[in-house]
Protein backbone atom coordinates (compact mmCIF):
# COMPACT_ATOMS: atom_id res chain seq x y z
CA UNK A 1 59.41 33.87 -12.85
CA UNK A 2 59.43 32.73 -16.49
CA UNK A 3 61.87 29.93 -15.67
CA UNK A 4 59.62 28.69 -12.86
CA UNK A 5 56.60 28.71 -15.14
CA UNK A 6 58.42 26.78 -17.87
CA UNK A 7 59.62 24.23 -15.31
CA UNK A 8 56.02 23.85 -14.15
CA UNK A 9 54.89 23.19 -17.72
CA UNK A 10 57.63 20.63 -18.30
CA UNK A 11 57.50 18.77 -14.98
CA UNK A 12 53.94 19.04 -13.73
CA UNK A 13 52.06 19.48 -16.99
CA UNK A 14 54.31 17.24 -19.06
CA UNK A 15 54.27 19.43 -22.17
CA UNK A 16 56.43 18.38 -25.11
CA UNK A 17 59.90 19.85 -25.54
CA UNK A 18 58.91 21.63 -28.76
CA UNK A 19 55.95 23.25 -27.02
CA UNK A 20 58.17 24.40 -24.15
CA UNK A 21 60.63 25.86 -26.67
CA UNK A 22 57.82 27.79 -28.37
CA UNK A 23 56.60 29.14 -25.02
CA UNK A 24 60.16 30.17 -24.11
CA UNK A 25 60.53 32.17 -27.35
CA UNK A 26 57.15 33.83 -26.92
CA UNK A 27 57.79 34.76 -23.30
CA UNK A 28 61.27 36.07 -24.07
CA UNK A 29 59.70 38.37 -26.62
CA UNK A 30 57.11 39.38 -24.03
CA UNK A 31 59.69 40.28 -21.40
CA UNK A 32 61.70 42.21 -24.01
CA UNK A 33 58.53 44.14 -24.89
CA UNK A 34 57.90 44.96 -21.22
CA UNK A 35 61.51 46.05 -20.69
CA UNK A 36 61.33 48.37 -23.69
CA UNK A 37 58.18 49.90 -22.18
CA UNK A 38 59.96 50.50 -18.86
CA UNK A 39 58.12 47.75 -16.96
CA UNK A 40 60.54 45.88 -14.72
CA UNK A 41 58.46 44.11 -12.08
CA UNK A 42 55.68 41.54 -12.32
CA UNK A 43 53.37 43.63 -10.13
CA UNK A 44 53.84 46.65 -12.41
CA UNK A 45 52.31 44.93 -15.44
CA UNK A 46 48.83 46.15 -16.38
CA UNK A 47 46.17 44.84 -18.73
CA UNK A 48 47.11 47.57 -21.23
CA UNK A 49 50.70 46.25 -21.25
CA UNK A 50 49.46 42.78 -22.21
CA UNK A 51 47.11 44.22 -24.85
CA UNK A 52 49.98 46.34 -26.16
CA UNK A 53 52.10 43.22 -26.56
CA UNK A 54 49.35 41.61 -28.63
CA UNK A 55 49.15 44.71 -30.84
CA UNK A 56 52.93 44.67 -31.27
CA UNK A 57 52.81 41.02 -32.35
CA UNK A 58 50.27 41.80 -35.05
CA UNK A 59 52.07 44.94 -36.25
CA UNK A 60 55.63 43.64 -36.21
CA UNK A 61 58.76 45.77 -35.87
CA UNK A 62 62.27 46.12 -37.29
CA UNK A 63 63.30 42.75 -35.87
CA UNK A 64 60.06 40.78 -36.18
CA UNK A 65 57.58 40.45 -39.06
CA UNK A 66 53.87 40.77 -38.22
CA UNK A 67 52.46 37.53 -36.86
CA UNK A 68 49.38 35.83 -38.21
CA UNK A 69 46.34 35.55 -35.96
CA UNK A 70 47.14 31.92 -35.13
CA UNK A 71 50.80 32.63 -34.24
CA UNK A 72 49.86 35.70 -32.19
CA UNK A 73 47.18 33.64 -30.42
CA UNK A 74 49.80 31.08 -29.40
CA UNK A 75 52.00 33.82 -27.89
CA UNK A 76 49.06 35.33 -26.01
CA UNK A 77 48.15 31.91 -24.62
CA UNK A 78 51.69 31.62 -23.25
CA UNK A 79 51.44 35.07 -21.64
CA UNK A 80 48.01 34.34 -20.16
CA UNK A 81 49.36 31.09 -18.72
CA UNK A 82 52.28 32.92 -17.14
CA UNK A 83 50.03 35.44 -15.40
CA UNK A 84 47.60 32.77 -14.24
CA UNK A 85 50.54 30.82 -12.80
CA UNK A 86 51.75 33.96 -11.00
CA UNK A 87 48.31 34.50 -9.48
CA UNK A 88 47.99 30.90 -8.28
CA UNK A 89 51.47 31.10 -6.75
CA UNK A 90 50.48 34.25 -4.84
CA UNK A 91 53.03 36.42 -6.62
CA UNK A 92 50.42 38.94 -7.82
CA UNK A 93 46.98 39.95 -6.50
CA UNK A 94 45.25 39.95 -9.91
CA UNK A 95 45.46 38.22 -13.30
CA UNK A 96 45.93 41.24 -15.56
CA UNK A 97 45.97 39.08 -18.71
CA UNK A 98 42.62 37.43 -18.07
CA UNK A 99 40.59 39.80 -20.26
CA UNK A 100 43.09 39.93 -23.14
CA UNK A 101 41.69 37.44 -25.63
CA UNK A 102 43.81 35.73 -28.28
CA UNK A 103 42.95 36.90 -31.80
CA UNK A 104 40.57 34.68 -33.71
CA UNK A 105 42.18 33.14 -36.79
CA UNK A 106 40.51 34.07 -40.06
CA UNK A 107 37.78 31.62 -40.93
CA UNK A 108 38.69 29.55 -43.94
CA UNK A 109 35.79 29.50 -46.30
CA UNK A 110 35.04 26.15 -47.91
CA UNK A 111 36.01 25.86 -51.55
CA UNK A 112 33.24 25.11 -54.01
CA UNK A 113 33.48 24.75 -57.78
CA UNK A 114 30.91 25.97 -60.32
CA UNK A 115 28.20 23.59 -61.47
CA UNK A 116 29.66 23.39 -64.97
CA UNK A 117 32.99 22.20 -63.55
CA UNK A 118 31.25 19.56 -61.46
CA UNK A 119 29.49 18.31 -64.58
CA UNK A 120 32.78 18.26 -66.52
CA UNK A 121 34.42 16.35 -63.67
CA UNK A 122 31.69 13.70 -63.61
CA UNK A 123 31.73 13.35 -67.39
CA UNK A 124 35.50 12.88 -67.32
CA UNK A 125 35.20 10.20 -64.65
CA UNK A 126 32.68 8.33 -66.76
CA UNK A 127 34.85 8.49 -69.88
CA UNK A 128 37.04 5.62 -68.68
CA UNK A 129 36.21 2.44 -70.60
CA UNK A 130 34.70 -0.54 -68.85
CA UNK A 131 33.42 -1.12 -65.31
CA UNK A 132 35.80 1.40 -63.75
CA UNK A 133 34.27 4.30 -65.67
CA UNK A 134 30.76 3.34 -64.56
CA UNK A 135 31.94 3.00 -60.96
CA UNK A 136 33.85 6.30 -60.98
CA UNK A 137 30.92 8.19 -62.45
CA UNK A 138 28.53 6.67 -59.90
CA UNK A 139 30.88 7.56 -57.04
CA UNK A 140 31.25 11.22 -58.03
CA UNK A 141 27.55 11.60 -58.83
CA UNK A 142 26.73 10.22 -55.38
CA UNK A 143 29.27 12.45 -53.61
CA UNK A 144 27.94 15.57 -55.29
CA UNK A 145 24.29 14.48 -55.26
CA UNK A 146 24.16 13.72 -51.52
CA UNK A 147 26.95 15.80 -49.96
CA UNK A 148 28.35 12.63 -48.39
CA UNK A 149 31.78 12.60 -46.82
CA UNK A 150 34.21 10.37 -48.66
CA UNK A 151 34.36 8.00 -45.67
CA UNK A 152 30.57 7.74 -45.73
CA UNK A 153 30.50 7.00 -49.47
CA UNK A 154 33.16 4.29 -49.50
CA UNK A 155 31.61 2.80 -46.37
CA UNK A 156 28.24 2.29 -48.03
CA UNK A 157 26.75 -1.17 -48.39
CA UNK A 158 24.49 -2.03 -51.31
CA UNK A 159 21.56 -2.28 -48.90
CA UNK A 160 22.13 1.29 -47.71
CA UNK A 161 20.74 2.52 -51.01
CA UNK A 162 16.95 2.50 -51.24
CA UNK A 163 16.33 2.81 -54.96
CA UNK A 164 12.58 2.69 -54.53
CA UNK A 165 12.58 5.70 -52.21
CA UNK A 166 15.51 7.36 -54.02
CA UNK A 167 17.38 7.76 -50.72
CA UNK A 168 20.57 6.57 -49.07
CA UNK A 169 21.40 5.87 -45.44
CA UNK A 170 24.70 7.50 -44.46
CA UNK A 171 26.63 6.71 -41.27
CA UNK A 172 28.18 9.98 -40.15
CA UNK A 173 30.52 10.98 -37.36
CA UNK A 174 29.95 9.21 -34.08
CA UNK A 175 27.90 6.56 -35.85
CA UNK A 176 24.98 8.97 -36.27
CA UNK A 177 22.88 7.92 -39.24
CA UNK A 178 20.88 10.13 -41.56
CA UNK A 179 18.70 9.55 -44.60
CA UNK A 180 19.55 11.71 -47.60
CA UNK A 181 17.62 11.95 -50.89
CA UNK A 182 19.43 10.80 -54.02
CA UNK A 183 18.88 12.85 -57.16
CA UNK A 184 17.90 11.33 -60.48
CA UNK A 185 21.36 11.74 -62.03
CA UNK A 186 23.12 10.00 -59.14
CA UNK A 187 20.44 7.32 -58.88
CA UNK A 188 20.68 6.54 -62.59
CA UNK A 189 24.49 6.39 -62.45
CA UNK A 190 24.48 4.08 -59.42
CA UNK A 191 21.85 1.78 -60.96
CA UNK A 192 23.89 1.51 -64.16
CA UNK A 193 26.99 0.71 -62.11
CA UNK A 194 25.15 -1.96 -60.09
CA UNK A 195 23.83 -3.69 -63.19
CA UNK A 196 26.71 -3.35 -65.62
CA UNK A 197 29.89 -2.89 -63.56
CA UNK A 198 29.75 -4.11 -59.98
CA UNK A 199 29.23 -7.80 -60.87
CA UNK A 200 32.34 -7.69 -63.07
CA UNK A 201 34.39 -6.04 -60.31
CA UNK A 202 33.06 -8.47 -57.71
CA UNK A 203 34.03 -11.47 -59.84
CA UNK A 204 37.68 -10.43 -59.61
CA UNK A 205 37.65 -11.26 -55.90
CA UNK A 206 38.24 -14.80 -54.67
CA UNK A 207 34.93 -16.51 -54.22
CA UNK A 208 32.96 -13.75 -55.94
CA UNK A 209 31.43 -10.88 -54.00
CA UNK A 210 33.45 -10.04 -50.88
CA UNK A 211 30.95 -8.44 -48.55
CA UNK A 212 28.18 -6.05 -49.44
CA UNK A 213 30.24 -2.92 -50.10
CA UNK A 214 28.61 -0.72 -52.72
CA UNK A 215 31.81 0.54 -54.34
CA UNK A 216 34.42 -2.10 -55.20
CA UNK A 217 37.99 -1.89 -56.40
CA UNK A 218 39.39 -3.84 -59.35
CA UNK A 219 40.28 -6.75 -57.03
CA UNK A 220 36.70 -7.13 -55.84
CA UNK A 221 37.28 -5.58 -52.40
CA UNK A 222 35.79 -2.40 -50.93
CA UNK A 223 37.04 0.81 -52.50
CA UNK A 224 39.38 2.73 -50.17
CA UNK A 225 39.45 6.45 -49.43
CA UNK A 226 42.84 6.70 -51.10
CA UNK A 227 41.47 5.13 -54.28
CA UNK A 228 38.53 7.55 -54.24
CA UNK A 229 41.00 10.46 -54.04
CA UNK A 230 42.90 9.02 -57.02
CA UNK A 231 39.66 8.71 -59.00
CA UNK A 232 38.88 12.38 -58.41
CA UNK A 233 42.39 13.56 -59.29
CA UNK A 234 42.41 11.56 -62.53
CA UNK A 235 39.00 12.89 -63.51
CA UNK A 236 40.12 16.47 -62.78
CA UNK A 237 43.18 16.02 -65.00
CA UNK A 238 41.10 14.65 -67.87
CA UNK A 239 38.60 17.49 -67.47
CA UNK A 240 41.37 20.08 -67.46
CA UNK A 241 40.34 21.44 -64.06
CA UNK A 242 43.34 23.08 -62.44
CA UNK A 243 41.67 23.81 -59.09
CA UNK A 244 42.92 21.92 -56.04
CA UNK A 245 40.08 19.42 -55.73
CA UNK A 246 39.39 16.84 -53.06
CA UNK A 247 36.38 14.62 -52.38
CA UNK A 248 35.38 17.20 -49.75
CA UNK A 249 35.21 19.81 -52.51
CA UNK A 250 32.14 18.03 -53.87
CA UNK A 251 30.56 18.15 -50.40
CA UNK A 252 31.28 21.88 -50.21
CA UNK A 253 29.85 22.36 -53.71
CA UNK A 254 26.73 20.39 -52.78
CA UNK A 255 26.03 22.71 -49.83
CA UNK A 256 26.91 25.93 -51.63
CA UNK A 257 24.82 25.13 -54.70
CA UNK A 258 21.82 24.22 -52.52
CA UNK A 259 22.01 27.55 -50.71
CA UNK A 260 22.51 29.39 -53.99
CA UNK A 261 19.31 27.72 -55.17
CA UNK A 262 17.34 28.97 -52.18
CA UNK A 263 17.56 26.05 -49.74
CA UNK A 264 17.11 26.82 -46.04
CA UNK A 265 20.33 26.56 -44.05
CA UNK A 266 18.72 24.18 -41.54
CA UNK A 267 17.74 21.80 -44.32
CA UNK A 268 21.33 21.85 -45.56
CA UNK A 269 22.46 21.21 -41.97
CA UNK A 270 20.36 18.04 -41.84
CA UNK A 271 21.57 16.86 -45.24
CA UNK A 272 25.22 17.36 -44.28
CA UNK A 273 24.78 15.76 -40.87
CA UNK A 274 26.12 18.76 -38.95
CA UNK A 275 25.37 18.66 -35.23
CA UNK A 276 25.11 22.46 -35.09
CA UNK A 277 23.74 24.92 -37.62
CA UNK A 278 26.72 27.15 -36.79
CA UNK A 279 28.93 24.75 -38.73
CA UNK A 280 26.66 24.98 -41.74
CA UNK A 281 26.40 28.76 -41.65
CA UNK A 282 29.94 29.12 -42.98
CA UNK A 283 28.48 28.28 -46.38
CA UNK A 284 26.20 31.31 -46.20
CA UNK A 285 29.33 33.48 -46.22
CA UNK A 286 30.31 31.91 -49.53
CA UNK A 287 26.94 32.65 -51.09
CA UNK A 288 27.02 36.25 -49.84
CA UNK A 289 30.34 36.68 -51.63
CA UNK A 290 28.73 35.26 -54.75
CA UNK A 291 25.84 37.72 -54.43
CA UNK A 292 28.31 40.57 -54.21
CA UNK A 293 30.05 39.39 -57.38
CA UNK A 294 26.78 39.19 -59.29
CA UNK A 295 25.68 42.59 -58.00
CA UNK A 296 28.98 44.24 -58.87
CA UNK A 297 28.95 42.86 -62.40
CA UNK A 298 25.24 43.34 -63.12
CA UNK A 299 23.89 46.47 -61.47
CA UNK A 300 24.38 49.63 -63.55
CA UNK A 301 25.10 51.77 -60.49
CA UNK A 302 27.48 49.28 -58.87
CA UNK A 303 30.32 49.78 -61.33
CA UNK A 304 33.13 52.14 -60.35
């Protein structure tokens, strides 16, 4: 039965060889589990047998370490596919694995850094002499001040910034645009860059300004995502920040600090350009953890 199912996946579904190999290992472990439980025939398998296999994956045994939620989920998907295949082929009257759901992997909470570290990072970026320092400071101020994705920031044109309205037009995923306010710190840094640094960077390009990109590299062309990453890493080193930072860290910090300050989650959703508030709500978990920390360290009856 297992061989027929794997052949079906390879020939009719066209799954990759590595995927087939993973399914084969998972299903071999499944059949070994059933044999150890005294189950020998396909029609003898019950839903509790499938659920027991999932529990065994998570617990581990003398021969196998406990599997993570994601690895166990992959094995359960293989088992569910096997039973669905058996049902469609008329080998069994019911799909006993249908109600056994793969475990949900632990949600990875976004990493945010404290406000004082963000400030130190921006100051370090601006400490570089010349036009580059002004550009780097403006870039990081804008990333943190608007919550923009790095692709949105480096894709900005000069005309996307409305200095009179203190707002910027960001082109998000799927080409969906949104207008985001720009704080006074970011606005001041960008204005200083536009006046004192961008013309010098633009002059390095052949024929002067090459397009209307807001952030330029030292050759006068648009700044790339890779260069933006390098700017952040260099600033983190100069600031002595050991945390694993990325441009997305500033976006996470933007959202977390807004919620810490009392912003409504739906407002943060609009600012981040999330299609669903469910995506934004992951940040509320971060702030709840922060509330617990403050409570535990501050309330006289919270200490153990």
